[in-house]
Amino acid sequence: MKMNTINISLKPELLNQIDQIAQEESRSELIREAAKIYIEKKNRWKSVFEFGDKFAETNNIKEEDIIKEIKKHRKSRFFD
């Protein structure tokens, strides 16, 4: 598999943390794995928000409706 090399700048504290963890594996492997996990997480959240947007559109739910429901729920939690 072809790999590309990149240069990145890191604050010393972050590099120290990476090096502590990378004692069991290389810096490169740690950063590759961290990037994969970050991308997967971003994609999952993107899917969640897309689902929410479609659901809201289909059901004609506005942002104000959601805020109103949250306030109602919070009020019921504190006064029940």
PDB file of N, CA and C in Angstrom:
ATOM      1  N   MET A   1       0.839  -1.173   0.000  1.00  0.00           N
ATOM      2  CA  MET A   1       0.000   0.000   0.000  1.00  0.00           C
ATOM      3  C   MET A   1       0.889   1.242   0.000  1.00  0.00           C
ATOM      4  N   LYS A   2       0.600   2.144  -0.913  1.00  0.00           N
ATOM      5  CA  LYS A   2       1.370   3.372  -0.998  1.00  0.00           C
ATOM      6  C   LYS A   2       1.004   4.299   0.153  1.00  0.00           C
ATOM      7  N   MET A   3       2.002   4.907   0.730  1.00  0.00           N
ATOM      8  CA  MET A   3       1.785   5.856   1.818  1.00  0.00           C
ATOM      9  C   MET A   3       2.383   7.195   1.416  1.00  0.00           C
ATOM     10  N   ASN A   4       1.769   8.264   1.878  1.00  0.00           N
ATOM     11  CA  ASN A   4       2.297   9.611   1.711  1.00  0.00           C
ATOM     12  C   ASN A   4       2.804  10.103   3.049  1.00  0.00           C
ATOM     13  N   THR A   5       3.826  10.894   3.009  1.00  0.00           N
ATOM     14  CA  THR A   5       4.391  11.480   4.219  1.00  0.00           C
ATOM     15  C   THR A   5       3.894  12.907   4.321  1.00  0.00           C
ATOM     16  N   ILE A   6       3.509  13.284   5.549  1.00  0.00           N
ATOM     17  CA  ILE A   6       3.090  14.658   5.801  1.00  0.00           C
ATOM     18  C   ILE A   6       3.898  15.207   6.963  1.00  0.00           C
ATOM     19  N   ASN A   7       3.992  16.507   7.022  1.00  0.00           N
ATOM     20  CA  ASN A   7       4.631  17.178   8.164  1.00  0.00           C
ATOM     21  C   ASN A   7       3.548  17.932   8.910  1.00  0.00           C
ATOM     22  N   ILE A   8       3.540  17.794  10.227  1.00  0.00           N
ATOM     23  CA  ILE A   8       2.577  18.533  11.036  1.00  0.00           C
ATOM     24  C   ILE A   8       3.311  19.187  12.200  1.00  0.00           C
ATOM     25  N   SER A   9       2.726  20.249  12.696  1.00  0.00           N
ATOM     26  CA  SER A   9       3.276  20.930  13.869  1.00  0.00           C
ATOM     27  C   SER A   9       2.401  20.585  15.070  1.00  0.00           C
ATOM     28  N   LEU A  10       3.047  20.246  16.157  1.00  0.00           N
ATOM     29  CA  LEU A  10       2.338  19.911  17.392  1.00  0.00           C
ATOM     30  C   LEU A  10       2.947  20.688  18.545  1.00  0.00           C
ATOM     31  N   LYS A  11       2.095  21.047  19.485  1.00  0.00           N
ATOM     32  CA  LYS A  11       2.605  21.664  20.704  1.00  0.00           C
ATOM     33  C   LYS A  11       3.406  20.613  21.466  1.00  0.00           C
ATOM     34  N   PRO A  12       4.449  21.029  22.176  1.00  0.00           N
ATOM     35  CA  PRO A  12       5.292  20.072  22.897  1.00  0.00           C
ATOM     36  C   PRO A  12       4.512  19.160  23.847  1.00  0.00           C
ATOM     37  N   GLU A  13       3.490  19.729  24.527  1.00  0.00           N
ATOM     38  CA  GLU A  13       2.721  18.915  25.475  1.00  0.00           C
ATOM     39  C   GLU A  13       2.006  17.767  24.760  1.00  0.00           C
ATOM     40  N   LEU A  14       1.420  18.068  23.588  1.00  0.00           N
ATOM     41  CA  LEU A  14       0.715  17.032  22.832  1.00  0.00           C
ATOM     42  C   LEU A  14       1.693  15.988  22.328  1.00  0.00           C
ATOM     43  N   LEU A  15       2.836  16.428  21.835  1.00  0.00           N
ATOM     44  CA  LEU A  15       3.841  15.478  21.352  1.00  0.00           C
ATOM     45  C   LEU A  15       4.323  14.583  22.490  1.00  0.00           C
ATOM     46  N   ASN A  16       4.480  15.144  23.678  1.00  0.00           N
ATOM     47  CA  ASN A  16       4.879  14.329  24.839  1.00  0.00           C
ATOM     48  C   ASN A  16       3.831  13.262  25.141  1.00  0.00           C
ATOM     49  N   GLN A  17       2.551  13.631  25.074  1.00  0.00           N
ATOM     50  CA  GLN A  17       1.487  12.651  25.314  1.00  0.00           C
ATOM     51  C   GLN A  17       1.501  11.569  24.242  1.00  0.00           C
ATOM     52  N   ILE A  18       1.693  11.972  22.996  1.00  0.00           N
ATOM     53  CA  ILE A  18       1.767  11.002  21.902  1.00  0.00           C
ATOM     54  C   ILE A  18       2.928  10.047  22.125  1.00  0.00           C
ATOM     55  N   ASP A  19       4.071  10.588  22.491  1.00  0.00           N
ATOM     56  CA  ASP A  19       5.253   9.749  22.713  1.00  0.00           C
ATOM     57  C   ASP A  19       5.065   8.776  23.867  1.00  0.00           C
ATOM     58  N   GLN A  20       4.361   9.198  24.912  1.00  0.00           N
ATOM     59  CA  GLN A  20       4.104   8.292  26.033  1.00  0.00           C
ATOM     60  C   GLN A  20       3.271   7.105  25.575  1.00  0.00           C
ATOM     61  N   ILE A  21       2.243   7.380  24.799  1.00  0.00           N
ATOM     62  CA  ILE A  21       1.375   6.309  24.305  1.00  0.00           C
ATOM     63  C   ILE A  21       2.081   5.490  23.234  1.00  0.00           C
ATOM     64  N   ALA A  22       2.897   6.148  22.431  1.00  0.00           N
ATOM     65  CA  ALA A  22       3.546   5.496  21.299  1.00  0.00           C
ATOM     66  C   ALA A  22       4.706   4.593  21.717  1.00  0.00           C
ATOM     67  N   GLN A  23       4.939   4.433  22.981  1.00  0.00           N
ATOM     68  CA  GLN A  23       5.996   3.522  23.420  1.00  0.00           C
ATOM     69  C   GLN A  23       5.666   2.091  23.013  1.00  0.00           C
ATOM     70  N   GLU A  24       4.364   1.789  22.879  1.00  0.00           N
ATOM     71  CA  GLU A  24       3.934   0.451  22.489  1.00  0.00           C
ATOM     72  C   GLU A  24       3.801   0.309  20.976  1.00  0.00           C
ATOM     73  N   GLU A  25       3.714   1.431  20.268  1.00  0.00           N
ATOM     74  CA  GLU A  25       3.604   1.431  18.820  1.00  0.00           C
ATOM     75  C   GLU A  25       4.268   2.706  18.312  1.00  0.00           C
ATOM     76  N   SER A  26       4.347   2.868  17.019  1.00  0.00           N
ATOM     77  CA  SER A  26       5.028   4.052  16.485  1.00  0.00           C
ATOM     78  C   SER A  26       4.133   5.280  16.544  1.00  0.00           C
ATOM     79  N   ARG A  27       4.746   6.446  16.483  1.00  0.00           N
ATOM     80  CA  ARG A  27       3.984   7.694  16.394  1.00  0.00           C
ATOM     81  C   ARG A  27       3.058   7.658  15.191  1.00  0.00           C
ATOM     82  N   SER A  28       3.609   7.212  14.075  1.00  0.00           N
ATOM     83  CA  SER A  28       2.820   7.189  12.838  1.00  0.00           C
ATOM     84  C   SER A  28       1.576   6.328  12.992  1.00  0.00           C
ATOM     85  N   GLU A  29       1.728   5.155  13.563  1.00  0.00           N
ATOM     86  CA  GLU A  29       0.574   4.261  13.736  1.00  0.00           C
ATOM     87  C   GLU A  29      -0.453   4.883  14.675  1.00  0.00           C
ATOM     88  N   LEU A  30       0.012   5.492  15.743  1.00  0.00           N
ATOM     89  CA  LEU A  30      -0.893   6.137  16.682  1.00  0.00           C
ATOM     90  C   LEU A  30      -1.672   7.263  15.988  1.00  0.00           C
ATOM     91  N   ILE A  31      -0.990   8.099  15.236  1.00  0.00           N
ATOM     92  CA  ILE A  31      -1.646   9.230  14.577  1.00  0.00           C
ATOM     93  C   ILE A  31      -2.575   8.736  13.467  1.00  0.00           C
ATOM     94  N   ARG A  32      -2.189   7.694  12.726  1.00  0.00           N
ATOM     95  CA  ARG A  32      -3.079   7.114  11.708  1.00  0.00           C
ATOM     96  C   ARG A  32      -4.363   6.609  12.343  1.00  0.00           C
ATOM     97  N   GLU A  33      -4.227   5.881  13.448  1.00  0.00           N
ATOM     98  CA  GLU A  33      -5.402   5.329  14.134  1.00  0.00           C
ATOM     99  C   GLU A  33      -6.280   6.447  14.694  1.00  0.00           C
ATOM    100  N   ALA A  34      -5.649   7.474  15.267  1.00  0.00           N
ATOM    101  CA  ALA A  34      -6.413   8.609  15.802  1.00  0.00           C
ATOM    102  C   ALA A  34      -7.185   9.311  14.680  1.00  0.00           C
ATOM    103  N   ALA A  35      -6.560   9.475  13.525  1.00  0.00           N
ATOM    104  CA  ALA A  35      -7.228  10.122  12.393  1.00  0.00           C
ATOM    105  C   ALA A  35      -8.409   9.281  11.926  1.00  0.00           C
ATOM    106  N   LYS A  36      -8.237   7.960  11.848  1.00  0.00           N
ATOM    107  CA  LYS A  36      -9.344   7.076  11.438  1.00  0.00           C
ATOM    108  C   LYS A  36     -10.520   7.189  12.402  1.00  0.00           C
ATOM    109  N   ILE A  37     -10.234   7.144  13.691  1.00  0.00           N
ATOM    110  CA  ILE A  37     -11.287   7.231  14.708  1.00  0.00           C
ATOM    111  C   ILE A  37     -11.990   8.584  14.621  1.00  0.00           C
ATOM    112  N   TYR A  38     -11.230   9.644  14.443  1.00  0.00           N
ATOM    113  CA  TYR A  38     -11.811  10.987  14.336  1.00  0.00           C
ATOM    114  C   TYR A  38     -12.740  11.076  13.131  1.00  0.00           C
ATOM    115  N   ILE A  39     -12.302  10.564  11.992  1.00  0.00           N
ATOM    116  CA  ILE A  39     -13.113  10.609  10.775  1.00  0.00           C
ATOM    117  C   ILE A  39     -14.384   9.782  10.939  1.00  0.00           C
ATOM    118  N   GLU A  40     -14.277   8.586  11.521  1.00  0.00           N
ATOM    119  CA  GLU A  40     -15.466   7.757  11.771  1.00  0.00           C
ATOM    120  C   GLU A  40     -16.452   8.479  12.676  1.00  0.00           C
ATOM    121  N   LYS A  41     -15.949   9.116  13.721  1.00  0.00           N
ATOM    122  CA  LYS A  41     -16.802   9.861  14.652  1.00  0.00           C
ATOM    123  C   LYS A  41     -17.504  11.014  13.947  1.00  0.00           C
ATOM    124  N   LYS A  42     -16.761  11.771  13.155  1.00  0.00           N
ATOM    125  CA  LYS A  42     -17.355  12.887  12.412  1.00  0.00           C
ATOM    126  C   LYS A  42     -18.436  12.388  11.461  1.00  0.00           C
ATOM    127  N   ASN A  43     -18.193  11.261  10.780  1.00  0.00           N
ATOM    128  CA  ASN A  43     -19.176  10.715   9.847  1.00  0.00           C
ATOM    129  C   ASN A  43     -20.433  10.232  10.559  1.00  0.00           C
ATOM    130  N   ARG A  44     -20.270   9.624  11.737  1.00  0.00           N
ATOM    131  CA  ARG A  44     -21.440   9.196  12.510  1.00  0.00           C
ATOM    132  C   ARG A  44     -22.286  10.387  12.918  1.00  0.00           C
ATOM    133  N   TRP A  45     -21.655  11.445  13.431  1.00  0.00           N
ATOM    134  CA  TRP A  45     -22.401  12.630  13.829  1.00  0.00           C
ATOM    135  C   TRP A  45     -23.069  13.287  12.633  1.00  0.00           C
ATOM    136  N   LYS A  46     -22.378  13.294  11.496  1.00  0.00           N
ATOM    137  CA  LYS A  46     -22.973  13.855  10.284  1.00  0.00           C
ATOM    138  C   LYS A  46     -24.251  13.089   9.936  1.00  0.00           C
ATOM    139  N   SER A  47     -24.212  11.765  10.024  1.00  0.00           N
ATOM    140  CA  SER A  47     -25.387  10.940   9.753  1.00  0.00           C
ATOM    141  C   SER A  47     -26.520  11.239  10.733  1.00  0.00           C
ATOM    142  N   VAL A  48     -26.180  11.413  11.996  1.00  0.00           N
ATOM    143  CA  VAL A  48     -27.194  11.714  13.016  1.00  0.00           C
ATOM    144  C   VAL A  48     -27.883  13.040  12.695  1.00  0.00           C
ATOM    145  N   PHE A  49     -27.094  14.054  12.373  1.00  0.00           N
ATOM    146  CA  PHE A  49     -27.680  15.365  12.069  1.00  0.00           C
ATOM    147  C   PHE A  49     -28.482  15.340  10.778  1.00  0.00           C
ATOM    148  N   GLU A  50     -28.018  14.591   9.774  1.00  0.00           N
ATOM    149  CA  GLU A  50     -28.783  14.479   8.530  1.00  0.00           C
ATOM    150  C   GLU A  50     -30.130  13.798   8.795  1.00  0.00           C
ATOM    151  N   PHE A  51     -30.126  12.744   9.616  1.00  0.00           N
ATOM    152  CA  PHE A  51     -31.366  12.068   9.974  1.00  0.00           C
ATOM    153  C   PHE A  51     -32.307  13.038  10.693  1.00  0.00           C
ATOM    154  N   GLY A  52     -31.757  13.775  11.657  1.00  0.00           N
ATOM    155  CA  GLY A  52     -32.566  14.737  12.404  1.00  0.00           C
ATOM    156  C   GLY A  52     -33.161  15.810  11.505  1.00  0.00           C
ATOM    157  N   ASP A  53     -32.364  16.298  10.577  1.00  0.00           N
ATOM    158  CA  ASP A  53     -32.855  17.317   9.640  1.00  0.00           C
ATOM    159  C   ASP A  53     -33.983  16.773   8.771  1.00  0.00           C
ATOM    160  N   LYS A  54     -33.810  15.556   8.261  1.00  0.00           N
ATOM    161  CA  LYS A  54     -34.855  14.950   7.418  1.00  0.00           C
ATOM    162  C   LYS A  54     -36.126  14.690   8.224  1.00  0.00           C
ATOM    163  N   PHE A  55     -35.955  14.196   9.452  1.00  0.00           N
ATOM    164  CA  PHE A  55     -37.097  13.925  10.314  1.00  0.00           C
ATOM    165  C   PHE A  55     -37.858  15.218  10.604  1.00  0.00           C
ATOM    166  N   ALA A  56     -37.114  16.261  10.932  1.00  0.00           N
ATOM    167  CA  ALA A  56     -37.741  17.552  11.234  1.00  0.00           C
ATOM    168  C   ALA A  56     -38.478  18.090  10.010  1.00  0.00           C
ATOM    169  N   GLU A  57     -37.864  17.973   8.856  1.00  0.00           N
ATOM    170  CA  GLU A  57     -38.504  18.466   7.634  1.00  0.00           C
ATOM    171  C   GLU A  57     -39.766  17.672   7.315  1.00  0.00           C
ATOM    172  N   THR A  58     -39.688  16.353   7.414  1.00  0.00           N
ATOM    173  CA  THR A  58     -40.829  15.490   7.125  1.00  0.00           C
ATOM    174  C   THR A  58     -41.990  15.761   8.073  1.00  0.00           C
ATOM    175  N   ASN A  59     -41.664  16.043   9.326  1.00  0.00           N
ATOM    176  CA  ASN A  59     -42.686  16.244  10.352  1.00  0.00           C
ATOM    177  C   ASN A  59     -42.956  17.709  10.655  1.00  0.00           C
ATOM    178  N   ASN A  60     -42.417  18.581   9.819  1.00  0.00           N
ATOM    179  CA  ASN A  60     -42.631  20.016   9.953  1.00  0.00           C
ATOM    180  C   ASN A  60     -42.286  20.524  11.355  1.00  0.00           C
ATOM    181  N   ILE A  61     -41.143  20.077  11.858  1.00  0.00           N
ATOM    182  CA  ILE A  61     -40.681  20.490  13.182  1.00  0.00           C
ATOM    183  C   ILE A  61     -39.668  21.614  13.001  1.00  0.00           C
ATOM    184  N   LYS A  62     -39.876  22.684  13.715  1.00  0.00           N
ATOM    185  CA  LYS A  62     -38.990  23.848  13.654  1.00  0.00           C
ATOM    186  C   LYS A  62     -38.097  23.877  14.892  1.00  0.00           C
ATOM    187  N   GLU A  63     -37.020  24.626  14.797  1.00  0.00           N
ATOM    188  CA  GLU A  63     -36.093  24.743  15.923  1.00  0.00           C
ATOM    189  C   GLU A  63     -36.800  25.272  17.171  1.00  0.00           C
ATOM    190  N   GLU A  64     -37.730  26.211  16.964  1.00  0.00           N
ATOM    191  CA  GLU A  64     -38.467  26.764  18.104  1.00  0.00           C
ATOM    192  C   GLU A  64     -39.278  25.679  18.819  1.00  0.00           C
ATOM    193  N   ASP A  65     -39.815  24.724  18.042  1.00  0.00           N
ATOM    194  CA  ASP A  65     -40.582  23.623  18.634  1.00  0.00           C
ATOM    195  C   ASP A  65     -39.698  22.775  19.544  1.00  0.00           C
ATOM    196  N   ILE A  66     -38.478  22.540  19.105  1.00  0.00           N
ATOM    197  CA  ILE A  66     -37.546  21.720  19.887  1.00  0.00           C
ATOM    198  C   ILE A  66     -37.162  22.438  21.172  1.00  0.00           C
ATOM    199  N   ILE A  67     -36.867  23.719  21.061  1.00  0.00           N
ATOM    200  CA  ILE A  67     -36.510  24.504  22.248  1.00  0.00           C
ATOM    201  C   ILE A  67     -37.665  24.515  23.247  1.00  0.00           C
ATOM    202  N   LYS A  68     -38.865  24.681  22.737  1.00  0.00           N
ATOM    203  CA  LYS A  68     -40.059  24.681  23.587  1.00  0.00           C
ATOM    204  C   LYS A  68     -40.206  23.342  24.325  1.00  0.00           C
ATOM    205  N   GLU A  69     -40.000  22.235  23.610  1.00  0.00           N
ATOM    206  CA  GLU A  69     -40.110  20.905  24.231  1.00  0.00           C
ATOM    207  C   GLU A  69     -39.026  20.677  25.270  1.00  0.00           C
ATOM    208  N   ILE A  70     -37.822  21.141  24.994  1.00  0.00           N
ATOM    209  CA  ILE A  70     -36.734  20.995  25.966  1.00  0.00           C
ATOM    210  C   ILE A  70     -37.059  21.764  27.238  1.00  0.00           C
ATOM    211  N   LYS A  71     -37.524  23.002  27.079  1.00  0.00           N
ATOM    212  CA  LYS A  71     -37.890  23.808  28.257  1.00  0.00           C
ATOM    213  C   LYS A  71     -39.007  23.141  29.053  1.00  0.00           C
ATOM    214  N   LYS A  72     -39.998  22.598  28.336  1.00  0.00           N
ATOM    215  CA  LYS A  72     -41.114  21.921  28.998  1.00  0.00           C
ATOM    216  C   LYS A  72     -40.617  20.699  29.768  1.00  0.00           C
ATOM    217  N   HIS A  73     -39.740  19.937  29.174  1.00  0.00           N
ATOM    218  CA  HIS A  73     -39.200  18.746  29.831  1.00  0.00           C
ATOM    219  C   HIS A  73     -38.379  19.134  31.062  1.00  0.00           C
ATOM    220  N   ARG A  74     -37.524  20.123  30.916  1.00  0.00           N
ATOM    221  CA  ARG A  74     -36.703  20.550  32.047  1.00  0.00           C
ATOM    222  C   ARG A  74     -37.562  21.054  33.198  1.00  0.00           C
ATOM    223  N   LYS A  75     -38.597  21.812  32.857  1.00  0.00           N
ATOM    224  CA  LYS A  75     -39.487  22.336  33.884  1.00  0.00           C
ATOM    225  C   LYS A  75     -40.188  21.196  34.620  1.00  0.00           C
ATOM    226  N   SER A  76     -40.631  20.189  33.883  1.00  0.00           N
ATOM    227  CA  SER A  76     -41.332  19.055  34.505  1.00  0.00           C
ATOM    228  C   SER A  76     -40.392  18.247  35.409  1.00  0.00           C
ATOM    229  N   ARG A  77     -39.125  18.180  35.058  1.00  0.00           N
ATOM    230  CA  ARG A  77     -38.146  17.449  35.886  1.00  0.00           C
ATOM    231  C   ARG A  77     -37.940  18.131  37.215  1.00  0.00           C
ATOM    232  N   PHE A  78     -37.963  19.446  37.228  1.00  0.00           N
ATOM    233  CA  PHE A  78     -37.668  20.178  38.447  1.00  0.00           C
ATOM    234  C   PHE A  78     -38.886  20.388  39.322  1.00  0.00           C
ATOM    235  N   PHE A  79     -40.073  20.320  38.739  1.00  0.00           N
ATOM    236  CA  PHE A  79     -41.264  20.621  39.513  1.00  0.00           C
ATOM    237  C   PHE A  79     -42.171  19.428  39.731  1.00  0.00           C
ATOM    238  N   ASP A  80     -41.728  18.241  39.364  1.00  0.00           N
ATOM    239  CA  ASP A  80     -42.524  17.024  39.617  1.00  0.00           C
ATOM    240  C   ASP A  80     -42.064  16.327  40.871  1.00  0.00           C
TER     241      ASP A  80
END
